[in-house]
Protein backbone atom coordinates (compact mmCIF):
# COMPACT_ATOMS: atom_id res chain seq x y z
CA MET A 1 23.28 -35.52 -5.36
CA PRO A 2 22.97 -32.36 -3.27
CA PRO A 3 22.39 -29.05 -5.21
CA ALA A 4 25.46 -27.50 -6.20
CA ARG A 5 25.05 -24.49 -4.40
CA ALA A 6 24.46 -26.22 -1.23
CA THR A 7 27.88 -28.20 -1.87
CA SER A 8 29.68 -25.08 -2.80
CA SER A 9 28.39 -23.17 0.35
CA ALA A 10 28.83 -26.11 2.84
CA ARG A 11 32.53 -25.50 3.46
CA ALA A 12 31.86 -22.05 4.25
CA LEU A 13 29.22 -22.30 6.42
CA GLU A 14 31.11 -25.11 8.33
CA ALA A 15 33.70 -22.64 9.12
CA ILE A 16 30.78 -19.82 9.83
CA LEU A 17 28.15 -21.28 11.85
CA PRO A 18 30.20 -23.19 14.77
CA LEU A 19 31.64 -19.74 15.71
CA ILE A 20 28.20 -18.36 16.29
CA ILE A 21 27.33 -21.11 18.34
CA SER A 22 30.43 -20.82 20.37
CA GLY A 23 29.94 -17.11 21.18
CA GLN A 24 32.48 -15.69 18.54
CA PRO A 25 29.70 -13.51 16.36
CA TYR A 26 32.48 -10.98 15.38
CA GLU A 27 34.41 -13.75 13.84
CA ALA A 28 31.81 -15.44 12.29
CA HIS A 29 30.63 -12.07 10.52
CA GLN A 30 33.93 -11.46 9.15
CA LYS A 31 34.52 -14.91 7.67
CA ALA A 32 30.86 -14.62 6.17
CA ARG A 33 31.74 -11.41 4.53
CA THR A 34 35.10 -12.82 3.21
CA PHE A 35 33.76 -16.01 1.65
CA ALA A 36 30.69 -14.07 -0.07
CA SER A 37 32.89 -11.17 -1.35
CA ARG A 38 35.21 -14.08 -2.83
CA TYR A 39 31.96 -15.71 -4.33
CA ASN A 40 30.38 -12.45 -5.38
CA LYS A 41 33.63 -11.41 -7.26
CA SER A 42 33.70 -14.76 -9.08
CA SER A 43 30.15 -14.42 -10.13
CA GLN A 44 28.83 -17.45 -7.98
CA TYR A 45 26.11 -15.67 -6.89
CA ASP A 46 23.91 -18.30 -5.55
CA THR A 47 26.47 -19.61 -3.28
CA ALA A 48 27.10 -16.02 -1.92
CA ILE A 49 23.66 -15.73 -1.57
CA ASP A 50 23.12 -19.02 0.60
CA VAL A 51 26.16 -18.21 2.77
CA LEU A 52 25.02 -14.69 3.51
CA PHE A 53 21.25 -15.73 4.21
CA GLN A 54 22.08 -18.43 6.54
CA SER A 55 25.03 -16.64 8.32
CA ALA A 56 22.88 -13.56 8.64
CA ARG A 57 19.85 -15.68 9.77
CA GLU A 58 22.12 -17.39 12.52
CA LEU A 59 23.31 -13.96 13.78
CA LEU A 60 20.03 -12.44 14.13
CA LYS A 61 18.90 -15.76 16.39
CA VAL A 62 21.51 -14.88 18.90
CA GLY A 63 20.53 -11.17 18.94
CA GLN A 64 23.60 -9.81 16.95
CA GLN A 65 21.06 -7.53 14.93
CA GLY A 66 24.11 -5.04 13.78
CA SER A 67 26.02 -7.97 12.21
CA GLY A 68 23.07 -9.83 10.92
CA THR A 69 21.65 -6.75 9.13
CA ASP A 70 25.11 -5.97 7.69
CA LEU A 71 24.91 -9.42 5.94
CA ALA A 72 21.37 -9.02 5.08
CA SER A 73 22.32 -5.54 3.05
CA PHE A 74 25.23 -7.32 1.74
CA LEU A 75 22.83 -10.01 0.52
CA LEU A 76 20.60 -7.43 -1.28
CA ASP A 77 23.68 -6.17 -3.01
CA VAL A 78 24.41 -9.90 -4.38
CA TYR A 79 20.65 -9.97 -5.39
CA ASP A 80 21.34 -6.63 -7.35
CA ASN A 81 24.77 -7.97 -8.87
CA LYS A 82 22.95 -11.31 -9.92
CA GLY A 83 19.88 -9.66 -11.15
CA GLU A 84 17.64 -11.81 -8.78
CA ALA A 85 14.22 -11.54 -9.80
CA VAL A 86 11.34 -11.28 -7.08
CA SER A 87 10.07 -14.82 -6.17
CA ASP A 88 8.70 -16.52 -3.37
CA GLU A 89 12.28 -17.75 -2.71
CA SER A 90 14.10 -14.51 -2.82
CA ARG A 91 11.21 -12.66 -1.05
CA GLY A 92 11.03 -15.38 1.62
CA ARG A 93 14.73 -15.12 2.74
CA LEU A 94 14.26 -11.32 3.28
CA THR A 95 10.78 -11.89 5.27
CA GLN A 96 12.73 -14.32 7.53
CA LEU A 97 15.46 -11.91 8.15
CA ILE A 98 13.00 -9.00 8.72
CA ALA A 99 11.16 -11.11 11.40
CA LEU A 100 14.29 -12.11 12.94
CA ALA A 101 15.61 -8.48 13.37
CA GLY A 102 12.89 -7.43 15.98
CA PRO A 103 11.47 -4.12 16.48
CA SER A 104 14.29 -2.64 18.74
CA GLY A 105 16.47 0.19 17.13
CA SER A 106 16.71 0.89 13.20
CA TRP A 107 18.05 -2.44 12.10
CA ARG A 108 15.02 -3.77 10.89
CA LYS A 109 13.87 -0.65 9.08
CA THR A 110 17.12 -0.84 7.37
CA ILE A 111 16.69 -4.23 6.01
CA ILE A 112 12.78 -3.38 4.96
CA ASP A 113 13.95 -0.29 3.23
CA LYS A 114 16.55 -1.82 1.13
CA ALA A 115 14.33 -4.99 0.51
CA VAL A 116 11.68 -2.58 -1.10
CA SER A 117 14.21 -0.95 -3.16
CA TRP A 118 15.52 -3.91 -4.49
CA SER A 119 11.91 -5.44 -5.29
CA ALA A 120 10.98 -2.06 -6.96
CA LYS A 121 13.86 -2.24 -9.27
CA ALA A 122 13.69 -6.38 -9.65
CA GLY A 123 9.92 -6.65 -9.96
CA VAL A 124 6.95 -5.16 -12.06
CA HIS A 125 5.81 -3.02 -9.42
CA PRO A 126 7.28 0.50 -9.09
CA ALA A 127 6.45 1.00 -5.39
CA GLY A 128 8.03 -2.47 -4.58
CA ASP A 129 6.56 -6.05 -4.25
CA PRO A 130 3.11 -6.03 -3.08
CA ASP A 131 3.54 -9.38 -1.13
CA LEU A 132 6.62 -7.82 0.83
CA HIS A 133 4.54 -4.58 1.81
CA HIS A 134 1.88 -6.79 2.70
CA TYR A 135 4.03 -8.96 5.04
CA VAL A 136 5.73 -5.76 6.70
CA GLY A 137 2.43 -4.29 7.20
CA GLU A 138 0.92 -7.08 8.94
CA LEU A 139 4.01 -7.50 10.97
CA LEU A 140 4.05 -4.05 12.07
CA TYR A 141 0.13 -4.26 12.96
CA LYS A 142 0.62 -7.14 15.03
CA GLU A 143 2.97 -5.18 17.08
CA GLY A 144 0.52 -2.46 17.58
CA ASN A 145 2.59 -0.13 15.36
CA PHE A 146 -0.61 1.14 13.43
CA ALA A 147 1.09 4.52 12.10
CA VAL A 148 4.07 2.64 10.40
CA ALA A 149 2.01 -0.15 9.19
CA GLU A 150 -0.53 1.88 7.39
CA PRO A 151 1.69 3.09 4.16
CA TYR A 152 2.75 -0.45 3.56
CA PHE A 153 -0.72 -1.77 3.47
CA LEU A 154 -1.69 0.95 1.01
CA ALA A 155 1.60 0.69 -1.02
CA ALA A 156 0.55 -3.24 -1.33
CA GLY A 157 -3.01 -2.41 -2.93
CA LYS A 158 -3.94 -6.15 -2.50
CA ARG A 159 -7.50 -7.04 -1.73
CA ASP A 160 -6.13 -8.87 1.41
CA SER A 161 -4.03 -5.85 2.47
CA ALA A 162 -7.32 -3.49 2.10
CA ARG A 163 -9.22 -5.96 4.52
CA VAL A 164 -6.38 -5.84 6.96
CA LEU A 165 -6.00 -2.20 6.65
CA ALA A 166 -9.68 -1.87 7.25
CA GLU A 167 -9.30 -4.04 10.46
CA MET A 168 -6.45 -1.99 11.64
CA LEU A 169 -8.17 1.35 11.18
CA VAL A 170 -11.44 0.19 12.72
CA GLU A 171 -9.10 -0.89 16.01
CA TRP A 172 -7.21 2.27 15.79
CA ALA A 173 -10.53 4.38 15.65
CA GLY A 174 -11.49 2.70 19.10
CA SER A 175 -14.75 3.19 20.43
CA ASP A 176 -15.32 6.98 20.42
CA SER A 177 -13.10 8.59 17.63
CA PRO A 178 -14.64 10.00 14.63
CA ALA A 179 -14.83 7.38 11.84
CA GLY A 180 -14.66 9.70 8.90
CA PRO A 181 -10.93 10.42 9.16
CA PHE A 182 -10.10 6.85 9.10
CA ALA A 183 -12.48 6.23 6.32
CA LEU A 184 -10.66 8.78 4.06
CA ARG A 185 -7.03 7.35 5.13
CA GLY A 186 -8.11 4.24 3.21
CA THR A 187 -10.31 5.22 0.35
CA ILE A 188 -8.37 8.48 -0.93
CA PRO A 189 -4.71 6.77 -1.09
CA TYR A 190 -6.09 3.88 -3.08
CA LEU A 191 -8.53 5.91 -5.45
CA GLN A 192 -5.39 8.23 -6.18
CA ASN A 193 -3.35 5.16 -7.16
CA GLY A 194 -6.30 4.17 -9.46
CA ASN A 195 -7.08 0.84 -7.54
CA ILE A 196 -10.66 0.84 -7.18
CA LEU A 197 -10.77 -2.73 -6.20
CA ALA A 198 -8.76 -2.11 -3.18
CA ALA A 199 -10.72 1.18 -2.27
CA ARG A 200 -13.96 -0.70 -2.26
CA THR A 201 -12.74 -3.62 -0.42
CA PHE A 202 -11.65 -1.39 2.22
CA ILE A 203 -14.61 0.63 2.52
CA VAL A 204 -16.96 -2.31 2.59
CA HIS A 205 -14.95 -4.13 5.24
CA PHE A 206 -14.33 -0.82 7.14
CA VAL A 207 -17.95 0.02 6.96
CA SER A 208 -19.20 -3.58 8.10
CA GLN A 209 -16.73 -3.85 11.06
CA LEU A 210 -17.17 -0.45 12.41
CA THR A 211 -21.23 -0.66 12.49
CA ALA A 212 -20.75 -4.15 14.03
CA ARG A 213 -18.68 -2.67 16.99
CA ARG A 214 -20.55 0.59 17.01
CA PRO A 215 -24.23 0.27 15.94
CA SER A 216 -25.13 3.63 17.16
CA LEU A 217 -23.36 4.93 14.05
CA LEU A 218 -26.19 3.41 11.85
CA SER A 219 -28.63 6.19 10.71
CA PRO A 220 -31.96 6.08 12.34
CA HIS A 221 -33.49 7.29 9.24
CA GLN A 222 -32.02 4.54 7.12
CA PRO A 223 -30.92 1.71 9.44
CA THR A 224 -30.77 -1.05 6.50
CA PRO A 225 -28.28 -0.99 3.86
CA ILE A 226 -29.33 0.21 0.02
CA PRO A 227 -28.06 -2.02 -2.62
CA VAL A 228 -26.61 -0.14 -5.56
CA GLY A 229 -25.26 -2.86 -7.72
CA GLN A 230 -24.49 -6.67 -7.89
CA PRO A 231 -22.36 -8.48 -5.31
CA THR A 232 -18.74 -8.90 -6.23
CA GLU A 233 -16.79 -11.98 -5.11
CA GLY A 234 -18.85 -12.24 -2.23
CA GLU A 235 -18.85 -8.55 -1.15
CA ALA A 236 -22.19 -7.01 -1.44
CA ASP A 237 -22.22 -3.55 -3.38
CA GLU A 238 -24.56 -1.52 -0.98
CA ILE A 239 -24.30 1.67 0.85
CA VAL A 240 -24.79 1.84 4.65
CA PHE A 241 -25.76 5.30 5.70
CA THR A 242 -24.60 6.38 9.14
CA THR A 243 -24.64 9.44 11.25
CA ASP A 244 -21.13 10.39 9.99
CA SER A 245 -21.02 12.26 6.90
CA THR A 246 -17.53 11.76 5.93
CA LEU A 247 -18.22 8.03 6.08
CA ASN A 248 -21.18 8.27 4.02
CA PHE A 249 -19.22 10.40 1.44
CA ALA A 250 -16.41 7.83 1.39
CA GLN A 251 -18.81 5.16 0.38
CA LEU A 252 -20.43 7.30 -2.26
CA ALA A 253 -17.07 8.52 -3.59
CA VAL A 254 -15.91 4.84 -4.14
CA ARG A 255 -19.16 3.80 -5.83
CA ALA A 256 -18.94 6.78 -8.11
CA CYS A 257 -15.53 6.31 -9.20
CA GLN A 258 -16.28 2.58 -9.71
CA ARG A 259 -18.79 3.52 -12.38
CA ALA A 260 -16.78 6.34 -13.98
CA GLN A 261 -15.94 5.92 -17.75
CA GLY A 262 -13.75 9.28 -18.01
CA ASP A 263 -15.52 11.75 -20.27
CA LYS A 264 -17.75 9.14 -21.77
CA ASN A 265 -20.43 9.06 -19.13
CA LYS A 266 -21.88 12.58 -18.61
CA VAL A 267 -24.24 11.30 -16.06
CA MET A 268 -21.38 10.01 -13.76
CA ARG A 269 -19.30 13.20 -14.09
CA GLU A 270 -22.40 15.23 -12.97
CA ALA A 271 -23.11 12.86 -10.19
CA TRP A 272 -19.44 13.46 -8.98
CA VAL A 273 -19.76 16.95 -9.16
CA ARG A 274 -22.93 17.26 -7.35
CA LEU A 275 -21.56 14.61 -4.88
CA CYS A 276 -18.37 16.96 -3.67
CA GLY A 277 -20.74 19.82 -3.84
CA THR A 278 -23.21 18.40 -1.51
CA TYR A 279 -20.75 17.16 0.95
CA GLN A 280 -18.37 20.14 0.73
CA SER A 281 -21.24 22.73 1.73
CA LYS A 282 -21.92 20.80 5.12
CA GLY A 283 -18.56 21.80 6.06
CA GLY A 284 -16.26 19.16 8.13
CA LEU A 285 -13.49 17.19 6.64
CA VAL A 286 -14.69 16.91 3.22
CA SER A 287 -14.41 20.63 2.71
CA ASN A 288 -10.69 20.66 4.31
CA ARG A 289 -8.08 22.22 1.57
CA GLU A 290 -6.06 19.24 1.37
CA VAL A 291 -9.12 16.80 1.13
CA ARG A 292 -10.43 19.25 -1.80
CA LYS A 293 -7.16 19.17 -3.70
CA THR A 294 -6.93 15.27 -3.65
CA LEU A 295 -10.68 15.28 -4.95
CA ILE A 296 -9.69 17.61 -7.61
CA GLU A 297 -6.89 15.03 -8.67
CA ILE A 298 -9.51 12.23 -8.53
CA ALA A 299 -12.02 14.15 -10.54
CA GLU A 300 -9.35 14.24 -13.36
CA LEU A 301 -8.11 10.58 -12.87
CA TYR A 302 -11.71 9.14 -13.20
CA PHE A 303 -13.81 11.75 -14.87
CA ALA A 304 -11.53 13.52 -17.01
CA ILE A 305 -12.47 16.76 -15.53
CA PRO A 306 -9.48 19.16 -15.73
CA PRO A 307 -8.28 20.99 -12.69
CA PRO A 308 -9.47 24.68 -12.23
CA ARG A 309 -7.25 27.48 -13.28
CA ALA A 310 -6.68 28.17 -9.64
CA GLN A 311 -7.68 26.95 -6.30
CA GLN A 312 -10.20 29.51 -5.49
CA ALA A 313 -12.88 29.73 -2.71
CA ASN A 314 -15.61 27.88 -4.84
CA PRO A 315 -14.18 24.24 -5.69
CA LEU A 316 -17.65 23.17 -6.75
CA GLY A 317 -18.12 26.10 -9.33
CA ASP A 318 -14.49 25.54 -10.62
CA MET A 319 -15.23 21.83 -11.22
CA ILE A 320 -18.47 22.35 -13.07
CA SER A 321 -16.76 25.06 -15.06
CA ALA A 322 -13.81 22.61 -15.92
CA MET A 323 -16.15 19.71 -17.00
CA PHE A 324 -18.02 22.11 -19.52
CA GLY A 325 -14.97 23.30 -21.04
CA GLY A 326 -12.99 25.23 -18.57
CA ALA A 327 -9.32 25.33 -19.50
CA PRO A 328 -6.78 23.55 -17.35
CA PRO A 329 -4.20 25.39 -15.69
CA THR A 330 -1.63 27.47 -17.78
CA GLY A 331 1.77 28.99 -16.87
CA GLY A 332 5.30 29.47 -18.24
CA GLY A 333 6.55 26.14 -17.14
CA GLY A 334 3.55 24.16 -18.74
CA ALA A 335 0.82 22.26 -16.97
CA PRO A 336 1.77 18.84 -15.71
CA ALA A 337 0.86 15.81 -17.61
CA ARG A 338 -2.77 14.67 -16.83
CA ARG A 339 -3.34 11.39 -15.43
CA ILE A 340 -6.55 9.78 -16.61
CA LEU A 341 -7.62 6.15 -16.44
CA ALA A 342 -8.79 4.91 -19.69
CA PRO A 343 -12.38 4.21 -19.85
CA GLY A 344 -13.77 0.67 -20.39
CA PRO A 345 -15.39 -0.53 -23.53
CA SER A 346 -19.02 1.19 -22.86
CA ALA A 347 -20.63 3.34 -20.63
CA SER A 348 -22.46 0.45 -18.94
CA THR A 349 -19.35 -1.18 -17.97
CA PRO A 350 -19.39 -1.19 -14.10
CA GLY A 351 -16.04 0.66 -13.80
CA LEU A 352 -12.70 -0.21 -12.97
CA ASP A 353 -13.20 -2.84 -10.41
């Protein structure tokens, strides 16, 4: 026997889909809404979902983005009403509709935004389903829309997402743009999210692909990589020194955070302070005010170094003072809650990877 949902939705679809084929999209759209509303109100959610998905898909195929997007939005409303969980099937319907909506206008973005919002509520990831984010990022990347794709790869936080983000940023940097800013665009957000694995995957692939394209970046003083740990899942743990100071800093920062143990590992806390101080004293992007602020956040998150009392002109001195007992900021409203990653079981554990 056919599934109950297919049987229940068949009558509605037999009335809707021929209208699309015969060039009557408005009538098809109205019928789809009428049938779906009826099923939704009577708690026949699976039937409503099937009617809305198939109708939206066929409308989008014939270029009716407005009507198709409206039904996709209604579909997500029914997901909410039903309490539909994030699964391959529920996500798959949405990715099909996102792909069919096309890049013109704001129709696709409307579906994406609502789909991500639903997945954040229905799934276990507060920022939205990682696979959905990754799919959208790849779709936009393939269209050459790098700036819009970037936050989806960062929000996904998957190793595959970090690899593709590295590939995209290498392509975006081209043959002559400074590499450092692109390196920080991948490493700092992942580190801020506590995602060491993604940060390391990103920087390893970014450096590898970039130096393959631009071998002149390799440092003439140290042209071969320096191993700093054991390979992990086929990825070498090594530093590739280059002529770009910020790119070198990004690699070292990820390795330092990887070995952090909160306030349990004094050696790594001191190493972090020296690393930031050394590179900030050279000027350039690492000494930029916004970058310094994010490094103070990362110092607290990974090394339990409280932020300085005030953002003064000497961030290295502030960080050293905080590490050796300086008080966190105070004020009438109280200090914000501190974010500190829990250290591993021992200081010898290679970090949060």
